[in-house]
Amino acid sequence: MNFHGYTEDEIKRWLWLRAIEWGAFPAYLSQPVAPILFIFYHWYFVVLGVVALGLIWCFFRYSFVSVGLSSAVVLPVVWLKWPAAVGSSIYLFVHHQHAAGVVALLWPLVHLLVCPDRLGSLSWRWPRRSDLYRRMRSCEIVFDQMSKAHS
């Protein structure tokens, strides 16, 4: 990632958003995927699967941080989440699966409620998020120095 030409505040915001997404990565990735899975599986199994993946993710999300992976999935998720939600919900409504259609349509908003990272008190999560932000920022500084060395 090349941050030349960006202000410090813009870089901080970018890193903060990637840190938030990383903390709830399975739920974040589920935005364009889960509505499509609602077509093939019962919606509550998909939701339980996202919750289970989120719980597993809780065990190692702060020990492994990938800025590249986090930044690579941003645009596909943002571009595909609403088309997938709307398309899946139309299909589900046409096939008389109304509950799944509603869940699919609202999934880009509802996914935050099933994310284990969102449960509990903000006070115990805040230091971890700040630590994650510092780790991601230090990775960016190292990448920037490496790119300058090779230029």
N, C-alpha and C. Protein backbone atom coordinates (compact mmCIF):
# COMPACT_ATOMS: atom_id res chain seq x y z
N MET A 1 0.85 -1.17 0.00
CA MET A 1 0.00 0.00 0.00
C MET A 1 0.88 1.22 0.00
N ASN A 2 0.61 2.14 -0.85
CA ASN A 2 1.40 3.35 -0.97
C ASN A 2 0.58 4.52 -0.45
N PHE A 3 1.06 5.16 0.61
CA PHE A 3 0.34 6.26 1.23
C PHE A 3 0.91 7.62 0.89
N HIS A 4 1.72 7.70 -0.14
CA HIS A 4 2.26 9.00 -0.53
C HIS A 4 1.13 9.89 -1.04
N GLY A 5 1.12 11.12 -0.58
CA GLY A 5 0.10 12.07 -0.99
C GLY A 5 -1.11 12.10 -0.07
N TYR A 6 -1.14 11.24 0.94
CA TYR A 6 -2.25 11.23 1.89
C TYR A 6 -1.82 11.90 3.18
N THR A 7 -2.77 12.54 3.85
CA THR A 7 -2.47 13.17 5.13
C THR A 7 -2.41 12.10 6.21
N GLU A 8 -1.85 12.47 7.33
CA GLU A 8 -1.77 11.54 8.46
C GLU A 8 -3.16 11.12 8.94
N ASP A 9 -4.11 12.06 8.94
CA ASP A 9 -5.47 11.73 9.36
C ASP A 9 -6.14 10.74 8.40
N GLU A 10 -5.90 10.89 7.10
CA GLU A 10 -6.45 9.95 6.13
C GLU A 10 -5.86 8.56 6.31
N ILE A 11 -4.57 8.50 6.57
CA ILE A 11 -3.92 7.21 6.80
C ILE A 11 -4.46 6.57 8.07
N LYS A 12 -4.62 7.36 9.13
CA LYS A 12 -5.16 6.83 10.38
C LYS A 12 -6.57 6.30 10.19
N ARG A 13 -7.38 7.03 9.44
CA ARG A 13 -8.76 6.57 9.20
C ARG A 13 -8.75 5.27 8.40
N TRP A 14 -7.93 5.19 7.37
CA TRP A 14 -7.85 3.98 6.56
C TRP A 14 -7.44 2.79 7.43
N LEU A 15 -6.41 2.98 8.24
CA LEU A 15 -5.94 1.90 9.10
C LEU A 15 -6.97 1.53 10.16
N TRP A 16 -7.66 2.52 10.70
CA TRP A 16 -8.67 2.24 11.71
C TRP A 16 -9.81 1.42 11.11
N LEU A 17 -10.25 1.76 9.90
CA LEU A 17 -11.31 1.00 9.24
C LEU A 17 -10.86 -0.43 8.96
N ARG A 18 -9.62 -0.61 8.49
CA ARG A 18 -9.14 -1.97 8.25
C ARG A 18 -9.05 -2.75 9.55
N ALA A 19 -8.67 -2.08 10.65
CA ALA A 19 -8.59 -2.75 11.95
C ALA A 19 -9.97 -3.20 12.42
N ILE A 20 -10.98 -2.37 12.22
CA ILE A 20 -12.34 -2.73 12.60
C ILE A 20 -12.82 -3.92 11.77
N GLU A 21 -12.56 -3.87 10.46
CA GLU A 21 -12.96 -4.97 9.59
C GLU A 21 -12.23 -6.26 9.97
N TRP A 22 -10.96 -6.14 10.32
CA TRP A 22 -10.17 -7.31 10.67
C TRP A 22 -10.70 -7.95 11.96
N GLY A 23 -11.14 -7.14 12.89
CA GLY A 23 -11.65 -7.67 14.15
C GLY A 23 -12.88 -8.55 13.97
N ALA A 24 -13.64 -8.31 12.91
CA ALA A 24 -14.85 -9.08 12.64
C ALA A 24 -14.80 -9.64 11.22
N PHE A 25 -13.67 -10.16 10.83
CA PHE A 25 -13.42 -10.55 9.45
C PHE A 25 -14.43 -11.55 8.89
N PRO A 26 -14.78 -12.64 9.60
CA PRO A 26 -15.78 -13.56 9.03
C PRO A 26 -17.13 -12.89 8.77
N ALA A 27 -17.59 -12.07 9.70
CA ALA A 27 -18.86 -11.37 9.49
C ALA A 27 -18.73 -10.35 8.36
N TYR A 28 -17.59 -9.69 8.28
CA TYR A 28 -17.37 -8.72 7.21
C TYR A 28 -17.39 -9.41 5.85
N LEU A 29 -16.69 -10.54 5.73
CA LEU A 29 -16.67 -11.28 4.47
C LEU A 29 -18.02 -11.88 4.13
N SER A 30 -18.85 -12.11 5.12
CA SER A 30 -20.14 -12.75 4.87
C SER A 30 -21.14 -11.82 4.19
N GLN A 31 -20.87 -10.53 4.13
CA GLN A 31 -21.84 -9.61 3.54
C GLN A 31 -22.25 -9.98 2.12
N PRO A 32 -21.32 -10.25 1.19
CA PRO A 32 -21.77 -10.65 -0.14
C PRO A 32 -22.01 -12.16 -0.26
N VAL A 33 -21.51 -12.96 0.66
CA VAL A 33 -21.57 -14.42 0.54
C VAL A 33 -22.82 -15.00 1.19
N ALA A 34 -23.15 -14.55 2.39
CA ALA A 34 -24.27 -15.14 3.14
C ALA A 34 -25.60 -15.03 2.41
N PRO A 35 -25.95 -13.88 1.81
CA PRO A 35 -27.23 -13.85 1.09
C PRO A 35 -27.34 -14.90 -0.01
N ILE A 36 -26.26 -15.21 -0.67
CA ILE A 36 -26.27 -16.25 -1.70
C ILE A 36 -26.42 -17.63 -1.06
N LEU A 37 -25.76 -17.83 0.08
CA LEU A 37 -25.88 -19.11 0.78
C LEU A 37 -27.30 -19.35 1.30
N PHE A 38 -28.04 -18.27 1.57
CA PHE A 38 -29.43 -18.43 2.03
C PHE A 38 -30.28 -19.13 0.97
N ILE A 39 -29.89 -19.06 -0.28
CA ILE A 39 -30.62 -19.74 -1.35
C ILE A 39 -30.46 -21.25 -1.24
N PHE A 40 -29.28 -21.69 -0.84
CA PHE A 40 -28.96 -23.12 -0.84
C PHE A 40 -29.13 -23.79 0.51
N TYR A 41 -29.05 -23.02 1.59
CA TYR A 41 -29.15 -23.57 2.94
C TYR A 41 -30.19 -22.77 3.72
N HIS A 42 -30.69 -23.38 4.79
CA HIS A 42 -31.60 -22.64 5.66
C HIS A 42 -30.85 -21.44 6.23
N TRP A 43 -31.53 -20.31 6.29
CA TRP A 43 -30.87 -19.07 6.69
C TRP A 43 -30.28 -19.17 8.10
N TYR A 44 -30.94 -19.88 9.00
CA TYR A 44 -30.43 -19.96 10.37
C TYR A 44 -29.16 -20.79 10.46
N PHE A 45 -28.97 -21.76 9.55
CA PHE A 45 -27.70 -22.50 9.53
C PHE A 45 -26.56 -21.60 9.07
N VAL A 46 -26.85 -20.76 8.10
CA VAL A 46 -25.83 -19.82 7.61
C VAL A 46 -25.45 -18.83 8.71
N VAL A 47 -26.45 -18.31 9.39
CA VAL A 47 -26.18 -17.37 10.49
C VAL A 47 -25.36 -18.05 11.58
N LEU A 48 -25.73 -19.27 11.96
CA LEU A 48 -24.95 -20.01 12.96
C LEU A 48 -23.52 -20.27 12.48
N GLY A 49 -23.37 -20.54 11.19
CA GLY A 49 -22.03 -20.73 10.63
C GLY A 49 -21.18 -19.47 10.73
N VAL A 50 -21.78 -18.32 10.45
CA VAL A 50 -21.05 -17.05 10.57
C VAL A 50 -20.67 -16.79 12.02
N VAL A 51 -21.59 -17.05 12.93
CA VAL A 51 -21.28 -16.88 14.36
C VAL A 51 -20.16 -17.83 14.78
N ALA A 52 -20.24 -19.07 14.35
CA ALA A 52 -19.20 -20.05 14.71
C ALA A 52 -17.84 -19.64 14.15
N LEU A 53 -17.81 -19.21 12.90
CA LEU A 53 -16.54 -18.73 12.32
C LEU A 53 -16.02 -17.50 13.08
N GLY A 54 -16.94 -16.63 13.48
CA GLY A 54 -16.53 -15.46 14.26
C GLY A 54 -15.94 -15.83 15.60
N LEU A 55 -16.54 -16.85 16.24
CA LEU A 55 -16.00 -17.30 17.53
C LEU A 55 -14.61 -17.92 17.36
N ILE A 56 -14.43 -18.69 16.30
CA ILE A 56 -13.11 -19.27 16.03
C ILE A 56 -12.12 -18.15 15.72
N TRP A 57 -12.56 -17.17 14.97
CA TRP A 57 -11.70 -16.03 14.60
C TRP A 57 -11.22 -15.28 15.83
N CYS A 58 -12.04 -15.23 16.87
CA CYS A 58 -11.67 -14.51 18.10
C CYS A 58 -10.38 -15.01 18.72
N PHE A 59 -10.05 -16.29 18.49
CA PHE A 59 -8.88 -16.87 19.13
C PHE A 59 -7.56 -16.42 18.51
N PHE A 60 -7.56 -16.04 17.24
CA PHE A 60 -6.27 -15.68 16.64
C PHE A 60 -6.28 -14.40 15.84
N ARG A 61 -7.34 -13.62 15.89
CA ARG A 61 -7.41 -12.41 15.06
C ARG A 61 -6.36 -11.36 15.43
N TYR A 62 -5.95 -11.32 16.67
CA TYR A 62 -4.96 -10.33 17.07
C TYR A 62 -3.53 -10.85 16.99
N SER A 63 -3.36 -12.15 16.82
CA SER A 63 -2.01 -12.69 16.72
C SER A 63 -1.53 -12.72 15.27
N PHE A 64 -2.45 -12.67 14.34
CA PHE A 64 -2.11 -12.65 12.92
C PHE A 64 -2.84 -11.48 12.28
N VAL A 65 -2.10 -10.53 11.76
CA VAL A 65 -2.68 -9.36 11.11
C VAL A 65 -2.12 -9.27 9.71
N SER A 66 -3.00 -9.23 8.73
CA SER A 66 -2.59 -9.12 7.34
C SER A 66 -3.21 -7.86 6.74
N VAL A 67 -2.41 -6.84 6.61
CA VAL A 67 -2.88 -5.59 6.03
C VAL A 67 -3.23 -5.79 4.56
N GLY A 68 -2.42 -6.58 3.87
CA GLY A 68 -2.69 -6.84 2.46
C GLY A 68 -4.01 -7.54 2.24
N LEU A 69 -4.28 -8.58 3.03
CA LEU A 69 -5.53 -9.31 2.91
C LEU A 69 -6.72 -8.42 3.28
N SER A 70 -6.55 -7.66 4.34
CA SER A 70 -7.61 -6.77 4.78
C SER A 70 -7.95 -5.73 3.72
N SER A 71 -6.94 -5.16 3.10
CA SER A 71 -7.20 -4.14 2.07
C SER A 71 -7.65 -4.75 0.75
N ALA A 72 -7.29 -6.00 0.49
CA ALA A 72 -7.67 -6.64 -0.78
C ALA A 72 -9.16 -6.97 -0.84
N VAL A 73 -9.79 -7.21 0.30
CA VAL A 73 -11.19 -7.61 0.29
C VAL A 73 -12.16 -6.44 0.41
N VAL A 74 -11.65 -5.24 0.64
CA VAL A 74 -12.54 -4.10 0.87
C VAL A 74 -13.43 -3.83 -0.35
N LEU A 75 -12.83 -3.62 -1.50
CA LEU A 75 -13.62 -3.27 -2.68
C LEU A 75 -14.58 -4.37 -3.12
N PRO A 76 -14.15 -5.64 -3.19
CA PRO A 76 -15.13 -6.66 -3.55
C PRO A 76 -16.32 -6.74 -2.59
N VAL A 77 -16.06 -6.61 -1.30
CA VAL A 77 -17.16 -6.67 -0.33
C VAL A 77 -18.09 -5.47 -0.52
N VAL A 78 -17.52 -4.29 -0.65
CA VAL A 78 -18.33 -3.08 -0.79
C VAL A 78 -19.14 -3.12 -2.09
N TRP A 79 -18.53 -3.55 -3.17
CA TRP A 79 -19.22 -3.58 -4.46
C TRP A 79 -20.27 -4.67 -4.56
N LEU A 80 -20.06 -5.80 -3.89
CA LEU A 80 -20.94 -6.95 -4.09
C LEU A 80 -22.00 -7.16 -3.01
N LYS A 81 -21.87 -6.51 -1.86
CA LYS A 81 -22.79 -6.84 -0.77
C LYS A 81 -24.24 -6.51 -1.09
N TRP A 82 -24.53 -5.35 -1.64
CA TRP A 82 -25.92 -4.99 -1.92
C TRP A 82 -26.48 -5.71 -3.14
N PRO A 83 -25.73 -5.84 -4.24
CA PRO A 83 -26.29 -6.65 -5.34
C PRO A 83 -26.58 -8.10 -4.91
N ALA A 84 -25.71 -8.69 -4.12
CA ALA A 84 -25.95 -10.05 -3.65
C ALA A 84 -27.17 -10.10 -2.73
N ALA A 85 -27.30 -9.12 -1.86
CA ALA A 85 -28.43 -9.10 -0.93
C ALA A 85 -29.75 -8.90 -1.67
N VAL A 86 -29.79 -7.94 -2.58
CA VAL A 86 -31.03 -7.66 -3.31
C VAL A 86 -31.38 -8.82 -4.25
N GLY A 87 -30.40 -9.32 -5.00
CA GLY A 87 -30.64 -10.43 -5.92
C GLY A 87 -31.10 -11.69 -5.20
N SER A 88 -30.44 -12.01 -4.10
CA SER A 88 -30.82 -13.19 -3.33
C SER A 88 -32.21 -13.03 -2.72
N SER A 89 -32.50 -11.85 -2.22
CA SER A 89 -33.81 -11.65 -1.61
C SER A 89 -34.93 -11.74 -2.65
N ILE A 90 -34.71 -11.21 -3.85
CA ILE A 90 -35.71 -11.35 -4.91
C ILE A 90 -35.94 -12.83 -5.22
N TYR A 91 -34.87 -13.57 -5.39
CA TYR A 91 -34.99 -15.01 -5.67
C TYR A 91 -35.75 -15.72 -4.55
N LEU A 92 -35.41 -15.40 -3.32
CA LEU A 92 -36.05 -16.07 -2.18
C LEU A 92 -37.52 -15.69 -2.06
N PHE A 93 -37.86 -14.44 -2.32
CA PHE A 93 -39.27 -14.04 -2.28
C PHE A 93 -40.07 -14.72 -3.38
N VAL A 94 -39.49 -14.81 -4.58
CA VAL A 94 -40.18 -15.48 -5.69
C VAL A 94 -40.43 -16.95 -5.36
N HIS A 95 -39.52 -17.57 -4.63
CA HIS A 95 -39.65 -18.97 -4.27
C HIS A 95 -40.30 -19.17 -2.90
N HIS A 96 -41.01 -18.15 -2.44
CA HIS A 96 -41.83 -18.20 -1.22
C HIS A 96 -41.04 -18.54 0.04
N GLN A 97 -39.83 -18.06 0.11
CA GLN A 97 -39.02 -18.19 1.32
C GLN A 97 -38.87 -16.79 1.91
N HIS A 98 -39.96 -16.30 2.48
CA HIS A 98 -40.03 -14.89 2.88
C HIS A 98 -39.09 -14.54 4.02
N ALA A 99 -38.98 -15.40 5.02
CA ALA A 99 -38.08 -15.11 6.14
C ALA A 99 -36.63 -15.02 5.65
N ALA A 100 -36.23 -15.96 4.83
CA ALA A 100 -34.87 -15.93 4.28
C ALA A 100 -34.67 -14.71 3.38
N GLY A 101 -35.72 -14.33 2.66
CA GLY A 101 -35.64 -13.15 1.80
C GLY A 101 -35.42 -11.87 2.59
N VAL A 102 -36.11 -11.76 3.71
CA VAL A 102 -35.94 -10.57 4.56
C VAL A 102 -34.53 -10.56 5.17
N VAL A 103 -34.09 -11.71 5.66
CA VAL A 103 -32.75 -11.79 6.25
C VAL A 103 -31.68 -11.48 5.19
N ALA A 104 -31.87 -12.02 3.98
CA ALA A 104 -30.90 -11.76 2.90
C ALA A 104 -30.86 -10.29 2.54
N LEU A 105 -32.03 -9.66 2.47
CA LEU A 105 -32.08 -8.25 2.11
C LEU A 105 -31.42 -7.36 3.16
N LEU A 106 -31.58 -7.74 4.42
CA LEU A 106 -31.03 -6.92 5.51
C LEU A 106 -29.64 -7.37 5.96
N TRP A 107 -29.11 -8.43 5.38
CA TRP A 107 -27.84 -8.98 5.86
C TRP A 107 -26.69 -7.98 5.89
N PRO A 108 -26.51 -7.11 4.90
CA PRO A 108 -25.41 -6.14 5.01
C PRO A 108 -25.51 -5.24 6.24
N LEU A 109 -26.68 -5.11 6.82
CA LEU A 109 -26.84 -4.35 8.06
C LEU A 109 -26.87 -5.27 9.28
N VAL A 110 -27.52 -6.42 9.15
CA VAL A 110 -27.72 -7.34 10.28
C VAL A 110 -26.44 -8.09 10.64
N HIS A 111 -25.52 -8.24 9.71
CA HIS A 111 -24.31 -9.04 9.99
C HIS A 111 -23.57 -8.52 11.21
N LEU A 112 -23.70 -7.25 11.53
CA LEU A 112 -23.03 -6.70 12.70
C LEU A 112 -23.59 -7.26 14.00
N LEU A 113 -24.85 -7.68 13.98
CA LEU A 113 -25.47 -8.21 15.18
C LEU A 113 -25.04 -9.63 15.50
N VAL A 114 -24.60 -10.38 14.49
CA VAL A 114 -24.20 -11.77 14.74
C VAL A 114 -22.69 -11.91 14.93
N CYS A 115 -21.98 -10.81 14.87
CA CYS A 115 -20.52 -10.85 15.01
C CYS A 115 -20.14 -10.94 16.47
N PRO A 116 -19.41 -11.98 16.86
CA PRO A 116 -19.00 -12.10 18.26
C PRO A 116 -18.15 -10.93 18.75
N ASP A 117 -17.47 -10.23 17.84
CA ASP A 117 -16.66 -9.09 18.23
C ASP A 117 -17.51 -7.96 18.78
N ARG A 118 -18.76 -7.90 18.39
CA ARG A 118 -19.64 -6.83 18.82
C ARG A 118 -20.28 -7.11 20.17
N LEU A 119 -20.10 -8.33 20.70
CA LEU A 119 -20.71 -8.67 21.96
C LEU A 119 -19.82 -8.25 23.12
N GLY A 120 -20.42 -7.91 24.22
CA GLY A 120 -19.65 -7.56 25.40
C GLY A 120 -19.38 -6.07 25.52
N SER A 121 -18.56 -5.74 26.46
CA SER A 121 -18.28 -4.35 26.77
C SER A 121 -17.21 -3.78 25.86
N LEU A 122 -17.41 -2.55 25.44
CA LEU A 122 -16.43 -1.87 24.60
C LEU A 122 -15.14 -1.61 25.38
N SER A 123 -15.23 -1.49 26.67
CA SER A 123 -14.06 -1.14 27.47
C SER A 123 -12.95 -2.18 27.40
N TRP A 124 -13.30 -3.47 27.32
CA TRP A 124 -12.23 -4.48 27.26
C TRP A 124 -11.75 -4.69 25.85
N ARG A 125 -12.53 -4.28 24.83
CA ARG A 125 -12.10 -4.45 23.45
C ARG A 125 -11.25 -3.28 22.96
N TRP A 126 -11.48 -2.12 23.51
CA TRP A 126 -10.81 -0.93 23.00
C TRP A 126 -9.29 -1.03 23.00
N PRO A 127 -8.65 -1.48 24.09
CA PRO A 127 -7.18 -1.60 24.05
C PRO A 127 -6.72 -2.58 22.97
N ARG A 128 -7.45 -3.65 22.76
CA ARG A 128 -7.05 -4.61 21.73
C ARG A 128 -7.15 -3.98 20.36
N ARG A 129 -8.19 -3.22 20.11
CA ARG A 129 -8.34 -2.55 18.83
C ARG A 129 -7.20 -1.56 18.63
N SER A 130 -6.86 -0.82 19.69
CA SER A 130 -5.76 0.13 19.57
C SER A 130 -4.46 -0.60 19.28
N ASP A 131 -4.26 -1.76 19.92
CA ASP A 131 -3.07 -2.56 19.67
C ASP A 131 -3.06 -3.05 18.22
N LEU A 132 -4.21 -3.47 17.74
CA LEU A 132 -4.31 -3.91 16.34
C LEU A 132 -3.99 -2.75 15.41
N TYR A 133 -4.49 -1.57 15.71
CA TYR A 133 -4.20 -0.40 14.90
C TYR A 133 -2.69 -0.12 14.88
N ARG A 134 -2.04 -0.21 16.04
CA ARG A 134 -0.59 0.03 16.10
C ARG A 134 0.17 -1.01 15.29
N ARG A 135 -0.27 -2.28 15.36
CA ARG A 135 0.39 -3.33 14.58
C ARG A 135 0.24 -3.08 13.08
N MET A 136 -0.98 -2.73 12.67
CA MET A 136 -1.20 -2.47 11.25
C MET A 136 -0.41 -1.26 10.80
N ARG A 137 -0.34 -0.24 11.62
CA ARG A 137 0.43 0.96 11.27
C ARG A 137 1.91 0.62 11.17
N SER A 138 2.44 -0.19 12.08
CA SER A 138 3.86 -0.56 12.01
C SER A 138 4.13 -1.40 10.76
N CYS A 139 3.18 -2.26 10.36
CA CYS A 139 3.34 -3.02 9.11
C CYS A 139 3.39 -2.08 7.92
N GLU A 140 2.55 -1.07 7.92
CA GLU A 140 2.53 -0.12 6.81
C GLU A 140 3.84 0.66 6.74
N ILE A 141 4.39 1.02 7.89
CA ILE A 141 5.66 1.75 7.91
C ILE A 141 6.77 0.87 7.35
N VAL A 142 6.78 -0.40 7.73
CA VAL A 142 7.80 -1.33 7.21
C VAL A 142 7.64 -1.50 5.71
N PHE A 143 6.39 -1.69 5.22
CA PHE A 143 6.17 -1.83 3.78
C PHE A 143 6.60 -0.57 3.03
N ASP A 144 6.32 0.58 3.61
CA ASP A 144 6.69 1.84 2.98
C ASP A 144 8.21 1.97 2.90
N GLN A 145 8.90 1.59 3.96
CA GLN A 145 10.36 1.66 3.96
C GLN A 145 10.95 0.67 2.95
N MET A 146 10.34 -0.52 2.85
CA MET A 146 10.82 -1.50 1.88
C MET A 146 10.62 -1.01 0.45
N SER A 147 9.49 -0.37 0.18
CA SER A 147 9.23 0.12 -1.16
C SER A 147 10.17 1.28 -1.51
N LYS A 148 10.52 2.10 -0.54
CA LYS A 148 11.47 3.18 -0.78
C LYS A 148 12.87 2.62 -1.06
N ALA A 149 13.21 1.55 -0.35
CA ALA A 149 14.54 0.94 -0.53
C ALA A 149 14.69 0.33 -1.92
N HIS A 150 13.59 -0.21 -2.46
CA HIS A 150 13.65 -0.83 -3.77
C HIS A 150 13.46 0.16 -4.90
N SER A 151 13.12 1.41 -4.60
CA SER A 151 12.92 2.41 -5.64
C SER A 151 14.21 3.04 -6.09
